[in-house]
Protein backbone atom coordinates (compact mmCIF):
# COMPACT_ATOMS: atom_id res chain seq x y z
CA UNK A 1 -62.98 67.91 -77.32
CA UNK A 2 -61.97 64.28 -77.23
CA UNK A 3 -58.18 64.53 -77.51
CA UNK A 4 -55.30 66.28 -75.74
CA UNK A 5 -51.95 66.49 -77.53
CA UNK A 6 -48.96 67.90 -75.67
CA UNK A 7 -45.47 68.90 -76.69
CA UNK A 8 -42.84 67.44 -74.37
CA UNK A 9 -40.03 70.00 -73.96
CA UNK A 10 -41.34 73.24 -72.50
CA UNK A 11 -44.75 71.79 -71.64
CA UNK A 12 -44.15 68.53 -69.78
CA UNK A 13 -40.46 68.99 -68.97
CA UNK A 14 -37.70 71.58 -69.06
CA UNK A 15 -37.64 75.31 -68.41
CA UNK A 16 -41.08 76.83 -67.95
CA UNK A 17 -42.79 73.47 -67.39
CA UNK A 18 -44.64 72.19 -64.34
CA UNK A 19 -44.45 68.42 -64.79
CA UNK A 20 -46.61 67.61 -61.76
CA UNK A 21 -49.40 69.98 -62.77
CA UNK A 22 -49.45 68.77 -66.37
CA UNK A 23 -49.37 65.14 -65.21
CA UNK A 24 -52.53 65.84 -63.19
CA UNK A 25 -54.16 67.30 -66.30
CA UNK A 26 -53.23 64.24 -68.36
CA UNK A 27 -54.39 61.87 -65.63
CA UNK A 28 -57.71 63.70 -65.29
CA UNK A 29 -58.23 63.64 -69.06
CA UNK A 30 -57.50 59.93 -69.31
CA UNK A 31 -59.83 59.07 -66.43
CA UNK A 32 -62.61 60.88 -68.28
CA UNK A 33 -61.97 58.99 -71.54
CA UNK A 34 -60.14 61.77 -73.37
CA UNK A 35 -57.43 60.37 -75.62
CA UNK A 36 -53.94 61.77 -74.94
CA UNK A 37 -50.67 62.03 -76.84
CA UNK A 38 -47.22 63.51 -76.71
CA UNK A 39 -46.10 65.08 -79.99
CA UNK A 40 -42.42 65.99 -79.92
CA UNK A 41 -39.81 67.07 -82.44
CA UNK A 42 -37.43 64.68 -80.69
CA UNK A 43 -35.01 63.11 -83.21
CA UNK A 44 -35.90 59.60 -82.06
CA UNK A 45 -33.30 56.88 -82.05
CA UNK A 46 -32.28 54.77 -79.06
CA UNK A 47 -32.02 57.83 -76.79
CA UNK A 48 -35.75 58.48 -77.14
CA UNK A 49 -36.87 55.17 -75.66
CA UNK A 50 -37.76 56.89 -72.39
CA UNK A 51 -40.25 59.09 -74.26
CA UNK A 52 -41.68 56.15 -76.19
CA UNK A 53 -42.17 54.30 -72.90
CA UNK A 54 -44.65 57.00 -71.80
CA UNK A 55 -47.16 55.51 -74.26
CA UNK A 56 -49.43 53.35 -72.16
CA UNK A 57 -48.69 54.31 -68.58
CA UNK A 58 -48.83 58.10 -69.07
CA UNK A 59 -50.45 58.89 -72.45
CA UNK A 60 -52.17 56.85 -75.13
CA UNK A 61 -49.72 57.67 -77.92
CA UNK A 62 -46.24 59.15 -78.39
CA UNK A 63 -45.33 60.60 -81.77
CA UNK A 64 -41.70 61.58 -82.28
CA UNK A 65 -40.55 63.45 -85.36
CA UNK A 66 -37.49 61.27 -85.78
CA UNK A 67 -39.65 58.15 -85.78
CA UNK A 68 -42.21 59.38 -88.32
CA UNK A 69 -40.01 61.40 -90.68
CA UNK A 70 -41.76 64.75 -90.30
CA UNK A 71 -41.73 67.51 -87.73
CA UNK A 72 -43.84 70.31 -86.33
CA UNK A 73 -44.98 72.63 -87.85
CA UNK A 74 -45.73 70.28 -90.79
CA UNK A 75 -49.51 69.91 -90.98
CA UNK A 76 -49.23 66.18 -91.62
CA UNK A 77 -47.73 65.45 -88.20
CA UNK A 78 -50.77 66.91 -86.43
CA UNK A 79 -53.08 64.90 -88.68
CA UNK A 80 -51.03 61.75 -88.02
CA UNK A 81 -51.17 62.28 -84.26
CA UNK A 82 -54.94 62.75 -84.30
CA UNK A 83 -55.33 59.65 -86.49
CA UNK A 84 -53.25 57.60 -84.05
CA UNK A 85 -55.66 58.69 -81.34
CA UNK A 86 -58.57 57.58 -83.54
CA UNK A 87 -59.75 61.20 -83.78
CA UNK A 88 -60.17 63.99 -86.26
CA UNK A 89 -57.88 67.00 -85.66
CA UNK A 90 -61.05 69.04 -85.02
CA UNK A 91 -61.55 66.98 -81.84
CA UNK A 92 -58.11 67.72 -80.38
CA UNK A 93 -56.51 70.36 -78.19
CA UNK A 94 -52.81 70.90 -78.89
CA UNK A 95 -50.47 72.50 -76.33
CA UNK A 96 -46.98 73.79 -77.19
CA UNK A 97 -44.62 76.46 -75.93
CA UNK A 98 -43.74 77.57 -79.48
CA UNK A 99 -46.40 79.81 -81.00
CA UNK A 100 -45.53 78.70 -84.55
CA UNK A 101 -46.37 75.11 -83.68
CA UNK A 102 -49.64 76.17 -82.05
CA UNK A 103 -50.61 78.14 -85.16
CA UNK A 104 -49.75 75.19 -87.40
CA UNK A 105 -51.87 72.86 -85.27
CA UNK A 106 -54.76 75.31 -85.49
CA UNK A 107 -54.35 75.46 -89.27
CA UNK A 108 -54.61 71.65 -89.26
CA UNK A 109 -57.91 71.92 -87.37
CA UNK A 110 -56.85 71.49 -83.74
CA UNK A 111 -57.60 73.99 -81.00
CA UNK A 112 -54.27 75.48 -79.99
CA UNK A 113 -53.08 76.49 -76.54
CA UNK A 114 -49.85 78.47 -76.35
CA UNK A 115 -48.06 77.33 -73.20
CA UNK A 116 -46.37 80.41 -71.75
CA UNK A 117 -47.24 79.80 -68.10
CA UNK A 118 -48.29 76.37 -66.78
CA UNK A 119 -51.16 77.72 -64.68
CA UNK A 120 -52.60 79.77 -67.53
CA UNK A 121 -52.27 76.83 -69.93
CA UNK A 122 -54.04 74.52 -67.50
CA UNK A 123 -56.88 77.01 -67.08
CA UNK A 124 -57.36 77.07 -70.87
CA UNK A 125 -57.13 73.29 -71.14
CA UNK A 126 -59.67 72.87 -68.32
CA UNK A 127 -62.15 75.10 -70.15
CA UNK A 128 -61.64 73.30 -73.46
CA UNK A 129 -61.91 69.83 -71.92
CA UNK A 130 -64.66 70.80 -69.46
CA UNK A 131 -62.43 69.63 -66.65
CA UNK A 132 -62.50 70.42 -62.97
CA UNK A 133 -58.72 70.42 -62.69
CA UNK A 134 -57.19 73.72 -61.68
CA UNK A 135 -53.62 74.91 -61.15
CA UNK A 136 -54.11 75.22 -57.39
CA UNK A 137 -55.52 71.73 -56.92
CA UNK A 138 -53.57 69.44 -54.64
CA UNK A 139 -52.50 65.95 -55.51
CA UNK A 140 -49.66 63.94 -56.88
CA UNK A 141 -49.00 62.58 -60.30
CA UNK A 142 -52.02 60.31 -60.99
CA UNK A 143 -50.25 58.54 -63.81
CA UNK A 144 -47.39 57.54 -61.56
CA UNK A 145 -44.76 58.84 -63.96
CA UNK A 146 -41.80 61.08 -63.19
CA UNK A 147 -41.29 63.17 -66.32
CA UNK A 148 -38.02 64.77 -65.27
CA UNK A 149 -35.04 63.47 -67.18
CA UNK A 150 -37.04 62.29 -70.19
CA UNK A 151 -36.24 63.48 -73.74
CA UNK A 152 -37.16 66.79 -75.32
């Protein structure tokens, strides 16, 4: 797998998320040359600038539904996100807390991970990306980003 695509709300921030753990996963992936993206159903607009600003320092791309005129679970948004990463959907892992979005990503060709528990999700991601990161590993946020207080 050459790409990691993450939902924001419920995976990187908000109830049920472990922002520090997921930031370590993203940092590890980027250091190993895996392309990364946030794919969110955020409505966009001026209030979403904080999410957009994560492109570069935290992930390679940020795709917001309000900015592109389509939303998960529309197949085209997964294809668009993969294309922005320079990848085919078949090369991407997609992580979301909503099972319908995971199924739609899988239908578009991505490997889906249903984020119910951060530790379990990270274990699945580590297997798929052949990563050494594990939920118990120590360390701060390698990307240097505080995800709390960002959009959806």
